[in-house]
Amino acid sequence: RCEAEAEMRYQVEAFETALPRILATVAPSTELSWADLPANTNSRETQ
């Protein structure tokens, strides 16, 4: 369903690599920069 609606697709595992394409789509005037952010932002315990 996401595929059917999306204008572009990228892997979250390669988020920084995809960032120029992401910004070109959502905020073309934004100057490219980088953030130091752990990938396990929303980790949850096994239930």
All heavy atoms as atom14 arrays in JSON, in Angstrom:
{
  "sequence": "RCEAEAEMRYQVEAFETALPRILATVAPSTELSWADLPANTNSRETQ",
  "atom14_mask": [
    [1, 1, 1, 1, 1, 1, 1, 1, 1, 1, 1, 0, 0, 0],
    [1, 1, 1, 1, 1, 1, 0, 0, 0, 0, 0, 0, 0, 0],
    [1, 1, 1, 1, 1, 1, 1, 1, 1, 0, 0, 0, 0, 0],
    [1, 1, 1, 1, 1, 0, 0, 0, 0, 0, 0, 0, 0, 0],
    [1, 1, 1, 1, 1, 1, 1, 1, 1, 0, 0, 0, 0, 0],
    [1, 1, 1, 1, 1, 0, 0, 0, 0, 0, 0, 0, 0, 0],
    [1, 1, 1, 1, 1, 1, 1, 1, 1, 0, 0, 0, 0, 0],
    [1, 1, 1, 1, 1, 1, 1, 1, 0, 0, 0, 0, 0, 0],
    [1, 1, 1, 1, 1, 1, 1, 1, 1, 1, 1, 0, 0, 0],
    [1, 1, 1, 1, 1, 1, 1, 1, 1, 1, 1, 1, 0, 0],
    [1, 1, 1, 1, 1, 1, 1, 1, 1, 0, 0, 0, 0, 0],
    [1, 1, 1, 1, 1, 1, 1, 0, 0, 0, 0, 0, 0, 0],
    [1, 1, 1, 1, 1, 1, 1, 1, 1, 0, 0, 0, 0, 0],
    [1, 1, 1, 1, 1, 0, 0, 0, 0, 0, 0, 0, 0, 0],
    [1, 1, 1, 1, 1, 1, 1, 1, 1, 1, 1, 0, 0, 0],
    [1, 1, 1, 1, 1, 1, 1, 1, 1, 0, 0, 0, 0, 0],
    [1, 1, 1, 1, 1, 1, 1, 0, 0, 0, 0, 0, 0, 0],
    [1, 1, 1, 1, 1, 0, 0, 0, 0, 0, 0, 0, 0, 0],
    [1, 1, 1, 1, 1, 1, 1, 1, 0, 0, 0, 0, 0, 0],
    [1, 1, 1, 1, 1, 1, 1, 0, 0, 0, 0, 0, 0, 0],
    [1, 1, 1, 1, 1, 1, 1, 1, 1, 1, 1, 0, 0, 0],
    [1, 1, 1, 1, 1, 1, 1, 1, 0, 0, 0, 0, 0, 0],
    [1, 1, 1, 1, 1, 1, 1, 1, 0, 0, 0, 0, 0, 0],
    [1, 1, 1, 1, 1, 0, 0, 0, 0, 0, 0, 0, 0, 0],
    [1, 1, 1, 1, 1, 1, 1, 0, 0, 0, 0, 0, 0, 0],
    [1, 1, 1, 1, 1, 1, 1, 0, 0, 0, 0, 0, 0, 0],
    [1, 1, 1, 1, 1, 0, 0, 0, 0, 0, 0, 0, 0, 0],
    [1, 1, 1, 1, 1, 1, 1, 0, 0, 0, 0, 0, 0, 0],
    [1, 1, 1, 1, 1, 1, 0, 0, 0, 0, 0, 0, 0, 0],
    [1, 1, 1, 1, 1, 1, 1, 0, 0, 0, 0, 0, 0, 0],
    [1, 1, 1, 1, 1, 1, 1, 1, 1, 0, 0, 0, 0, 0],
    [1, 1, 1, 1, 1, 1, 1, 1, 0, 0, 0, 0, 0, 0],
    [1, 1, 1, 1, 1, 1, 0, 0, 0, 0, 0, 0, 0, 0],
    [1, 1, 1, 1, 1, 1, 1, 1, 1, 1, 1, 1, 1, 1],
    [1, 1, 1, 1, 1, 0, 0, 0, 0, 0, 0, 0, 0, 0],
    [1, 1, 1, 1, 1, 1, 1, 1, 0, 0, 0, 0, 0, 0],
    [1, 1, 1, 1, 1, 1, 1, 1, 0, 0, 0, 0, 0, 0],
    [1, 1, 1, 1, 1, 1, 1, 0, 0, 0, 0, 0, 0, 0],
    [1, 1, 1, 1, 1, 0, 0, 0, 0, 0, 0, 0, 0, 0],
    [1, 1, 1, 1, 1, 1, 1, 1, 0, 0, 0, 0, 0, 0],
    [1, 1, 1, 1, 1, 1, 1, 0, 0, 0, 0, 0, 0, 0],
    [1, 1, 1, 1, 1, 1, 1, 1, 0, 0, 0, 0, 0, 0],
    [1, 1, 1, 1, 1, 1, 0, 0, 0, 0, 0, 0, 0, 0],
    [1, 1, 1, 1, 1, 1, 1, 1, 1, 1, 1, 0, 0, 0],
    [1, 1, 1, 1, 1, 1, 1, 1, 1, 0, 0, 0, 0, 0],
    [1, 1, 1, 1, 1, 1, 1, 0, 0, 0, 0, 0, 0, 0],
    [1, 1, 1, 1, 1, 1, 1, 1, 1, 0, 0, 0, 0, 0]
  ],
  "atom14_positions": [
    [[0.83, -1.21, 0.0], [0.0, 0.0, 0.0], [0.87, 1.26, 0.0], [0.54, 2.26, -0.66], [-0.94, -0.01, 1.2], [-1.98, -1.11, 1.16], [-2.94, -1.06, 2.31], [-3.8, 0.13, 2.24], [-4.85, 0.35, 3.04], [-5.17, -0.57, 3.96], [-5.58, 1.43, 2.92], [0.0, 0.0, 0.0], [0.0, 0.0, 0.0], [0.0, 0.0, 0.0]],
    [[1.98, 1.23, 0.73], [2.9, 2.37, 0.73], [3.46, 2.59, -0.68], [3.53, 3.73, -1.16], [4.05, 2.13, 1.7], [3.61, 2.16, 3.46], [0.0, 0.0, 0.0], [0.0, 0.0, 0.0], [0.0, 0.0, 0.0], [0.0, 0.0, 0.0], [0.0, 0.0, 0.0], [0.0, 0.0, 0.0], [0.0, 0.0, 0.0], [0.0, 0.0, 0.0]],
    [[3.88, 1.5, -1.32], [4.43, 1.59, -2.68], [3.46, 2.28, -3.63], [3.85, 3.07, -4.48], [4.73, 0.19, -3.21], [6.02, -0.42, -2.72], [6.35, -1.67, -3.51], [6.63, -1.53, -4.73], [6.32, -2.77, -2.94], [0.0, 0.0, 0.0], [0.0, 0.0, 0.0], [0.0, 0.0, 0.0], [0.0, 0.0, 0.0], [0.0, 0.0, 0.0]],
    [[2.19, 1.92, -3.51], [1.18, 2.44, -4.43], [1.0, 3.95, -4.3], [0.55, 4.6, -5.24], [-0.15, 1.73, -4.18], [0.0, 0.0, 0.0], [0.0, 0.0, 0.0], [0.0, 0.0, 0.0], [0.0, 0.0, 0.0], [0.0, 0.0, 0.0], [0.0, 0.0, 0.0], [0.0, 0.0, 0.0], [0.0, 0.0, 0.0], [0.0, 0.0, 0.0]],
    [[1.36, 4.52, -3.15], [1.13, 5.94, -2.91], [2.39, 6.79, -2.98], [2.32, 8.01, -3.16], [0.49, 6.13, -1.53], [-0.85, 5.44, -1.33], [-1.95, 6.03, -2.19], [-1.76, 7.12, -2.76], [-3.0, 5.39, -2.31], [0.0, 0.0, 0.0], [0.0, 0.0, 0.0], [0.0, 0.0, 0.0], [0.0, 0.0, 0.0], [0.0, 0.0, 0.0]],
    [[3.56, 6.16, -2.85], [4.8, 6.93, -2.64], [5.38, 7.49, -3.93], [5.26, 6.9, -5.0], [5.83, 6.05, -1.96], [0.0, 0.0, 0.0], [0.0, 0.0, 0.0], [0.0, 0.0, 0.0], [0.0, 0.0, 0.0], [0.0, 0.0, 0.0], [0.0, 0.0, 0.0], [0.0, 0.0, 0.0], [0.0, 0.0, 0.0], [0.0, 0.0, 0.0]],
    [[6.04, 8.65, -3.79], [6.76, 9.27, -4.88], [8.21, 8.79, -4.92], [8.87, 8.85, -5.97], [6.73, 10.79, -4.75], [5.32, 11.37, -4.77], [5.31, 12.84, -4.45], [6.15, 13.59, -5.02], [4.47, 13.27, -3.65], [0.0, 0.0, 0.0], [0.0, 0.0, 0.0], [0.0, 0.0, 0.0], [0.0, 0.0, 0.0], [0.0, 0.0, 0.0]],
    [[8.73, 8.38, -3.79], [10.09, 7.84, -3.73], [10.18, 6.85, -2.58], [9.35, 6.87, -1.66], [11.13, 8.96, -3.54], [11.07, 9.67, -2.19], [12.59, 10.57, -1.79], [13.75, 9.24, -1.45], [0.0, 0.0, 0.0], [0.0, 0.0, 0.0], [0.0, 0.0, 0.0], [0.0, 0.0, 0.0], [0.0, 0.0, 0.0], [0.0, 0.0, 0.0]],
    [[11.2, 5.98, -2.64], [11.4, 4.96, -1.61], [12.88, 4.91, -1.24], [13.75, 5.13, -2.08], [10.94, 3.59, -2.14], [11.09, 2.46, -1.14], [10.47, 1.17, -1.65], [11.22, 0.59, -2.75], [10.7, 0.29, -3.93], [9.43, 0.56, -4.19], [11.43, -0.25, -4.88], [0.0, 0.0, 0.0], [0.0, 0.0, 0.0], [0.0, 0.0, 0.0]],
    [[13.15, 4.61, 0.02], [14.53, 4.48, 0.48], [14.55, 3.54, 1.68], [13.54, 3.29, 2.32], [15.11, 5.84, 0.87], [14.39, 6.49, 2.03], [14.79, 6.26, 3.35], [13.29, 7.31, 1.82], [14.11, 6.83, 4.42], [12.61, 7.88, 2.87], [13.03, 7.63, 4.17], [12.34, 8.2, 5.22], [0.0, 0.0, 0.0], [0.0, 0.0, 0.0]],
    [[15.73, 3.01, 1.99], [15.93, 2.15, 3.15], [16.29, 2.99, 4.38], [17.14, 3.87, 4.29], [17.06, 1.15, 2.91], [16.87, 0.21, 1.76], [18.11, -0.67, 1.56], [19.16, -0.44, 2.16], [17.98, -1.68, 0.71], [0.0, 0.0, 0.0], [0.0, 0.0, 0.0], [0.0, 0.0, 0.0], [0.0, 0.0, 0.0], [0.0, 0.0, 0.0]],
    [[15.66, 2.7, 5.51], [16.03, 3.42, 6.73], [17.47, 3.07, 7.14], [18.16, 3.88, 7.77], [15.04, 3.12, 7.88], [15.22, 1.69, 8.4], [15.2, 4.12, 9.01], [0.0, 0.0, 0.0], [0.0, 0.0, 0.0], [0.0, 0.0, 0.0], [0.0, 0.0, 0.0], [0.0, 0.0, 0.0], [0.0, 0.0, 0.0], [0.0, 0.0, 0.0]],
    [[17.93, 1.87, 6.77], [19.31, 1.48, 7.09], [20.32, 2.37, 6.38], [21.49, 2.45, 6.78], [19.56, 0.02, 6.7], [18.74, -1.0, 7.48], [17.42, -1.33, 6.83], [16.94, -0.53, 5.98], [16.85, -2.38, 7.16], [0.0, 0.0, 0.0], [0.0, 0.0, 0.0], [0.0, 0.0, 0.0], [0.0, 0.0, 0.0], [0.0, 0.0, 0.0]],
    [[19.89, 3.02, 5.3], [20.76, 3.92, 4.54], [20.18, 5.33, 4.55], [20.21, 6.04, 3.54], [20.93, 3.41, 3.11], [0.0, 0.0, 0.0], [0.0, 0.0, 0.0], [0.0, 0.0, 0.0], [0.0, 0.0, 0.0], [0.0, 0.0, 0.0], [0.0, 0.0, 0.0], [0.0, 0.0, 0.0], [0.0, 0.0, 0.0], [0.0, 0.0, 0.0]],
    [[19.66, 5.74, 5.69], [18.95, 7.02, 5.78], [19.84, 8.19, 5.4], [19.44, 9.07, 4.62], [18.41, 7.21, 7.2], [17.5, 8.4, 7.34], [16.15, 8.3, 7.03], [17.98, 9.63, 7.76], [15.3, 9.39, 7.14], [17.14, 10.73, 7.88], [15.8, 10.6, 7.57], [0.0, 0.0, 0.0], [0.0, 0.0, 0.0], [0.0, 0.0, 0.0]],
    [[21.06, 8.22, 5.92], [21.94, 9.36, 5.63], [22.33, 9.39, 4.15], [22.45, 10.47, 3.57], [23.17, 9.32, 6.52], [22.87, 9.63, 7.98], [24.13, 9.87, 8.79], [25.23, 9.58, 8.28], [24.0, 10.35, 9.94], [0.0, 0.0, 0.0], [0.0, 0.0, 0.0], [0.0, 0.0, 0.0], [0.0, 0.0, 0.0], [0.0, 0.0, 0.0]],
    [[22.5, 8.22, 3.55], [22.81, 8.18, 2.12], [21.64, 8.72, 1.3], [21.83, 9.39, 0.27], [23.12, 6.73, 1.69], [24.24, 6.25, 2.45], [23.44, 6.66, 0.21], [0.0, 0.0, 0.0], [0.0, 0.0, 0.0], [0.0, 0.0, 0.0], [0.0, 0.0, 0.0], [0.0, 0.0, 0.0], [0.0, 0.0, 0.0], [0.0, 0.0, 0.0]],
    [[20.43, 8.41, 1.77], [19.22, 8.85, 1.05], [18.83, 10.29, 1.37], [17.96, 10.85, 0.69], [18.05, 7.93, 1.4], [0.0, 0.0, 0.0], [0.0, 0.0, 0.0], [0.0, 0.0, 0.0], [0.0, 0.0, 0.0], [0.0, 0.0, 0.0], [0.0, 0.0, 0.0], [0.0, 0.0, 0.0], [0.0, 0.0, 0.0], [0.0, 0.0, 0.0]],
    [[19.48, 10.89, 2.35], [19.06, 12.21, 2.82], [19.01, 13.27, 1.72], [18.05, 14.06, 1.67], [19.96, 12.67, 3.97], [19.48, 13.88, 4.77], [18.07, 13.65, 5.32], [20.45, 14.18, 5.91], [0.0, 0.0, 0.0], [0.0, 0.0, 0.0], [0.0, 0.0, 0.0], [0.0, 0.0, 0.0], [0.0, 0.0, 0.0], [0.0, 0.0, 0.0]],
    [[20.0, 13.36, 0.81], [19.88, 14.37, -0.26], [18.61, 14.19, -1.09], [17.95, 15.18, -1.44], [21.15, 14.12, -1.1], [22.13, 13.54, -0.14], [21.3, 12.67, 0.78], [0.0, 0.0, 0.0], [0.0, 0.0, 0.0], [0.0, 0.0, 0.0], [0.0, 0.0, 0.0], [0.0, 0.0, 0.0], [0.0, 0.0, 0.0], [0.0, 0.0, 0.0]],
    [[18.24, 12.93, -1.41], [17.01, 12.69, -2.17], [15.78, 13.04, -1.35], [14.8, 13.57, -1.87], [16.94, 11.23, -2.6], [17.91, 10.84, -3.69], [17.51, 9.51, -4.33], [17.45, 8.43, -3.36], [16.42, 7.6, -3.21], [15.33, 7.74, -3.96], [16.45, 6.63, -2.32], [0.0, 0.0, 0.0], [0.0, 0.0, 0.0], [0.0, 0.0, 0.0]],
    [[15.83, 12.72, -0.05], [14.69, 13.03, 0.83], [14.46, 14.53, 0.88], [13.33, 15.01, 0.7], [14.94, 12.46, 2.24], [14.98, 10.93, 2.21], [13.86, 12.94, 3.21], [15.43, 10.3, 3.51], [0.0, 0.0, 0.0], [0.0, 0.0, 0.0], [0.0, 0.0, 0.0], [0.0, 0.0, 0.0], [0.0, 0.0, 0.0], [0.0, 0.0, 0.0]],
    [[15.52, 15.28, 1.12], [15.39, 16.73, 1.21], [14.98, 17.34, -0.12], [14.21, 18.31, -0.15], [16.69, 17.35, 1.71], [17.08, 17.02, 3.14], [18.39, 17.71, 3.51], [15.99, 17.42, 4.12], [0.0, 0.0, 0.0], [0.0, 0.0, 0.0], [0.0, 0.0, 0.0], [0.0, 0.0, 0.0], [0.0, 0.0, 0.0], [0.0, 0.0, 0.0]],
    [[15.46, 16.8, -1.22], [15.07, 17.31, -2.53], [13.57, 17.15, -2.75], [12.95, 17.94, -3.48], [15.84, 16.59, -3.63], [0.0, 0.0, 0.0], [0.0, 0.0, 0.0], [0.0, 0.0, 0.0], [0.0, 0.0, 0.0], [0.0, 0.0, 0.0], [0.0, 0.0, 0.0], [0.0, 0.0, 0.0], [0.0, 0.0, 0.0], [0.0, 0.0, 0.0]],
    [[12.98, 16.15, -2.11], [11.55, 15.91, -2.25], [10.72, 16.74, -1.29], [9.69, 17.3, -1.67], [11.24, 14.41, -2.04], [11.98, 13.63, -2.98], [9.75, 14.12, -2.19], [0.0, 0.0, 0.0], [0.0, 0.0, 0.0], [0.0, 0.0, 0.0], [0.0, 0.0, 0.0], [0.0, 0.0, 0.0], [0.0, 0.0, 0.0], [0.0, 0.0, 0.0]],
    [[11.16, 16.84, -0.02], [10.3, 17.44, 1.0], [10.69, 18.88, 1.36], [9.83, 19.64, 1.82], [10.3, 16.58, 2.29], [9.88, 15.15, 1.97], [11.65, 16.58, 2.99], [0.0, 0.0, 0.0], [0.0, 0.0, 0.0], [0.0, 0.0, 0.0], [0.0, 0.0, 0.0], [0.0, 0.0, 0.0], [0.0, 0.0, 0.0], [0.0, 0.0, 0.0]],
    [[11.95, 19.25, 1.19], [12.39, 20.59, 1.58], [13.6, 21.0, 0.75], [14.72, 21.05, 1.25], [12.73, 20.62, 3.07], [0.0, 0.0, 0.0], [0.0, 0.0, 0.0], [0.0, 0.0, 0.0], [0.0, 0.0, 0.0], [0.0, 0.0, 0.0], [0.0, 0.0, 0.0], [0.0, 0.0, 0.0], [0.0, 0.0, 0.0], [0.0, 0.0, 0.0]],
    [[13.39, 21.3, -0.55], [14.52, 21.57, -1.45], [15.41, 22.72, -1.02], [16.6, 22.74, -1.36], [13.81, 21.9, -2.79], [12.47, 21.28, -2.67], [12.09, 21.36, -1.22], [0.0, 0.0, 0.0], [0.0, 0.0, 0.0], [0.0, 0.0, 0.0], [0.0, 0.0, 0.0], [0.0, 0.0, 0.0], [0.0, 0.0, 0.0], [0.0, 0.0, 0.0]],
    [[14.88, 23.68, -0.27], [15.69, 24.84, 0.12], [16.52, 24.6, 1.37], [17.31, 25.46, 1.77], [14.77, 26.05, 0.35], [13.85, 25.79, 1.4], [0.0, 0.0, 0.0], [0.0, 0.0, 0.0], [0.0, 0.0, 0.0], [0.0, 0.0, 0.0], [0.0, 0.0, 0.0], [0.0, 0.0, 0.0], [0.0, 0.0, 0.0], [0.0, 0.0, 0.0]],
    [[16.36, 23.44, 2.0], [17.1, 23.14, 3.23], [18.55, 22.79, 2.92], [18.82, 21.98, 2.03], [16.45, 21.96, 3.98], [15.1, 22.29, 4.29], [17.2, 21.66, 5.28], [0.0, 0.0, 0.0], [0.0, 0.0, 0.0], [0.0, 0.0, 0.0], [0.0, 0.0, 0.0], [0.0, 0.0, 0.0], [0.0, 0.0, 0.0], [0.0, 0.0, 0.0]],
    [[19.46, 23.41, 3.63], [20.88, 23.11, 3.45], [21.2, 21.76, 4.09], [20.82, 21.5, 5.23], [21.74, 24.21, 4.08], [23.23, 24.03, 3.85], [24.04, 25.18, 4.41], [23.44, 26.24, 4.69], [25.26, 25.01, 4.56], [0.0, 0.0, 0.0], [0.0, 0.0, 0.0], [0.0, 0.0, 0.0], [0.0, 0.0, 0.0], [0.0, 0.0, 0.0]],
    [[21.86, 20.91, 3.37], [22.15, 19.55, 3.84], [23.07, 19.59, 5.06], [24.09, 20.27, 5.06], [22.8, 18.73, 2.72], [23.12, 17.27, 3.04], [21.83, 16.52, 3.35], [23.85, 16.62, 1.87], [0.0, 0.0, 0.0], [0.0, 0.0, 0.0], [0.0, 0.0, 0.0], [0.0, 0.0, 0.0], [0.0, 0.0, 0.0], [0.0, 0.0, 0.0]],
    [[22.68, 18.87, 6.1], [23.51, 18.74, 7.29], [23.27, 17.36, 7.88], [22.47, 16.57, 7.38], [23.16, 19.84, 8.31], [21.8, 19.77, 8.68], [0.0, 0.0, 0.0], [0.0, 0.0, 0.0], [0.0, 0.0, 0.0], [0.0, 0.0, 0.0], [0.0, 0.0, 0.0], [0.0, 0.0, 0.0], [0.0, 0.0, 0.0], [0.0, 0.0, 0.0]],
    [[23.95, 17.07, 9.0], [23.88, 15.73, 9.56], [23.59, 15.8, 11.05], [23.92, 16.77, 11.72], [25.19, 14.97, 9.32], [25.63, 15.01, 7.89], [26.59, 15.83, 7.35], [25.08, 14.27, 6.8], [26.69, 15.62, 5.99], [25.78, 14.67, 5.63], [24.09, 13.31, 6.69], [25.51, 14.14, 4.38], [23.82, 12.78, 5.44], [24.52, 13.19, 4.31]],
    [[22.96, 14.75, 11.57], [22.63, 14.69, 12.99], [23.24, 13.45, 13.61], [23.35, 12.41, 12.96], [21.11, 14.68, 13.18], [0.0, 0.0, 0.0], [0.0, 0.0, 0.0], [0.0, 0.0, 0.0], [0.0, 0.0, 0.0], [0.0, 0.0, 0.0], [0.0, 0.0, 0.0], [0.0, 0.0, 0.0], [0.0, 0.0, 0.0], [0.0, 0.0, 0.0]],
    [[23.65, 13.57, 14.85], [24.17, 12.42, 15.59], [23.03, 11.83, 16.4], [22.67, 12.33, 17.46], [25.3, 12.87, 16.52], [25.93, 11.7, 17.27], [25.69, 10.55, 16.86], [26.63, 11.95, 18.27], [0.0, 0.0, 0.0], [0.0, 0.0, 0.0], [0.0, 0.0, 0.0], [0.0, 0.0, 0.0], [0.0, 0.0, 0.0], [0.0, 0.0, 0.0]],
    [[22.43, 10.77, 15.87], [21.23, 10.21, 16.48], [21.31, 8.69, 16.43], [21.52, 8.12, 15.36], [19.99, 10.69, 15.72], [18.62, 10.31, 16.29], [18.39, 11.0, 17.64], [17.52, 10.7, 15.32], [0.0, 0.0, 0.0], [0.0, 0.0, 0.0], [0.0, 0.0, 0.0], [0.0, 0.0, 0.0], [0.0, 0.0, 0.0], [0.0, 0.0, 0.0]],
    [[21.15, 8.02, 17.58], [21.19, 6.55, 17.57], [20.02, 5.97, 16.79], [18.92, 6.5, 16.82], [21.11, 6.17, 19.06], [20.46, 7.35, 19.72], [20.91, 8.54, 18.93], [0.0, 0.0, 0.0], [0.0, 0.0, 0.0], [0.0, 0.0, 0.0], [0.0, 0.0, 0.0], [0.0, 0.0, 0.0], [0.0, 0.0, 0.0], [0.0, 0.0, 0.0]],
    [[20.27, 4.86, 16.1], [19.24, 4.25, 15.26], [18.16, 3.55, 16.08], [17.06, 3.31, 15.58], [19.86, 3.26, 14.29], [0.0, 0.0, 0.0], [0.0, 0.0, 0.0], [0.0, 0.0, 0.0], [0.0, 0.0, 0.0], [0.0, 0.0, 0.0], [0.0, 0.0, 0.0], [0.0, 0.0, 0.0], [0.0, 0.0, 0.0], [0.0, 0.0, 0.0]],
    [[18.45, 3.22, 17.34], [17.46, 2.5, 18.17], [16.63, 3.49, 18.98], [16.42, 3.33, 20.18], [18.16, 1.51, 19.1], [19.12, 2.18, 20.07], [19.54, 3.31, 19.84], [19.48, 1.48, 21.13], [0.0, 0.0, 0.0], [0.0, 0.0, 0.0], [0.0, 0.0, 0.0], [0.0, 0.0, 0.0], [0.0, 0.0, 0.0], [0.0, 0.0, 0.0]],
    [[16.13, 4.52, 18.29], [15.37, 5.59, 18.95], [14.1, 5.06, 19.62], [13.72, 5.52, 20.69], [15.0, 6.68, 17.93], [16.22, 7.22, 17.4], [14.21, 7.79, 18.58], [0.0, 0.0, 0.0], [0.0, 0.0, 0.0], [0.0, 0.0, 0.0], [0.0, 0.0, 0.0], [0.0, 0.0, 0.0], [0.0, 0.0, 0.0], [0.0, 0.0, 0.0]],
    [[13.45, 4.1, 19.01], [12.16, 3.62, 19.51], [12.22, 2.12, 19.79], [11.44, 1.34, 19.27], [11.05, 3.91, 18.5], [9.67, 3.66, 19.07], [9.48, 3.6, 20.27], [8.69, 3.5, 18.19], [0.0, 0.0, 0.0], [0.0, 0.0, 0.0], [0.0, 0.0, 0.0], [0.0, 0.0, 0.0], [0.0, 0.0, 0.0], [0.0, 0.0, 0.0]],
    [[13.17, 1.7, 20.63], [13.31, 0.29, 20.97], [12.27, -0.1, 22.02], [11.87, 0.69, 22.85], [14.72, 0.01, 21.51], [14.97, 0.79, 22.65], [0.0, 0.0, 0.0], [0.0, 0.0, 0.0], [0.0, 0.0, 0.0], [0.0, 0.0, 0.0], [0.0, 0.0, 0.0], [0.0, 0.0, 0.0], [0.0, 0.0, 0.0], [0.0, 0.0, 0.0]],
    [[11.83, -1.37, 21.96], [10.86, -1.89, 22.91], [11.28, -3.26, 23.39], [11.93, -4.01, 22.65], [9.46, -1.97, 22.28], [8.84, -0.62, 21.98], [7.42, -0.78, 21.48], [6.82, 0.51, 21.16], [5.59, 0.66, 20.7], [4.83, -0.4, 20.49], [5.11, 1.84, 20.43], [0.0, 0.0, 0.0], [0.0, 0.0, 0.0], [0.0, 0.0, 0.0]],
    [[10.88, -3.59, 24.59], [11.25, -4.88, 25.15], [10.41, -6.0, 24.56], [9.25, -5.81, 24.18], [11.08, -4.85, 26.67], [12.02, -3.88, 27.38], [11.83, -3.91, 28.88], [10.96, -4.68, 29.35], [12.54, -3.17, 29.58], [0.0, 0.0, 0.0], [0.0, 0.0, 0.0], [0.0, 0.0, 0.0], [0.0, 0.0, 0.0], [0.0, 0.0, 0.0]],
    [[10.99, -7.2, 24.51], [10.26, -8.37, 24.05], [9.16, -8.73, 25.04], [9.39, -8.77, 26.24], [11.23, -9.56, 23.88], [12.25, -9.21, 22.94], [10.49, -10.79, 23.4], [0.0, 0.0, 0.0], [0.0, 0.0, 0.0], [0.0, 0.0, 0.0], [0.0, 0.0, 0.0], [0.0, 0.0, 0.0], [0.0, 0.0, 0.0], [0.0, 0.0, 0.0]],
    [[7.97, -8.99, 24.51], [6.82, -9.27, 25.37], [6.4, -10.74, 25.35], [5.53, -11.15, 26.11], [5.63, -8.41, 24.93], [5.86, -6.92, 25.08], [6.06, -6.49, 26.53], [5.46, -7.04, 27.44], [6.93, -5.53, 26.74], [0.0, 0.0, 0.0], [0.0, 0.0, 0.0], [0.0, 0.0, 0.0], [0.0, 0.0, 0.0], [0.0, 0.0, 0.0]]
  ]
}
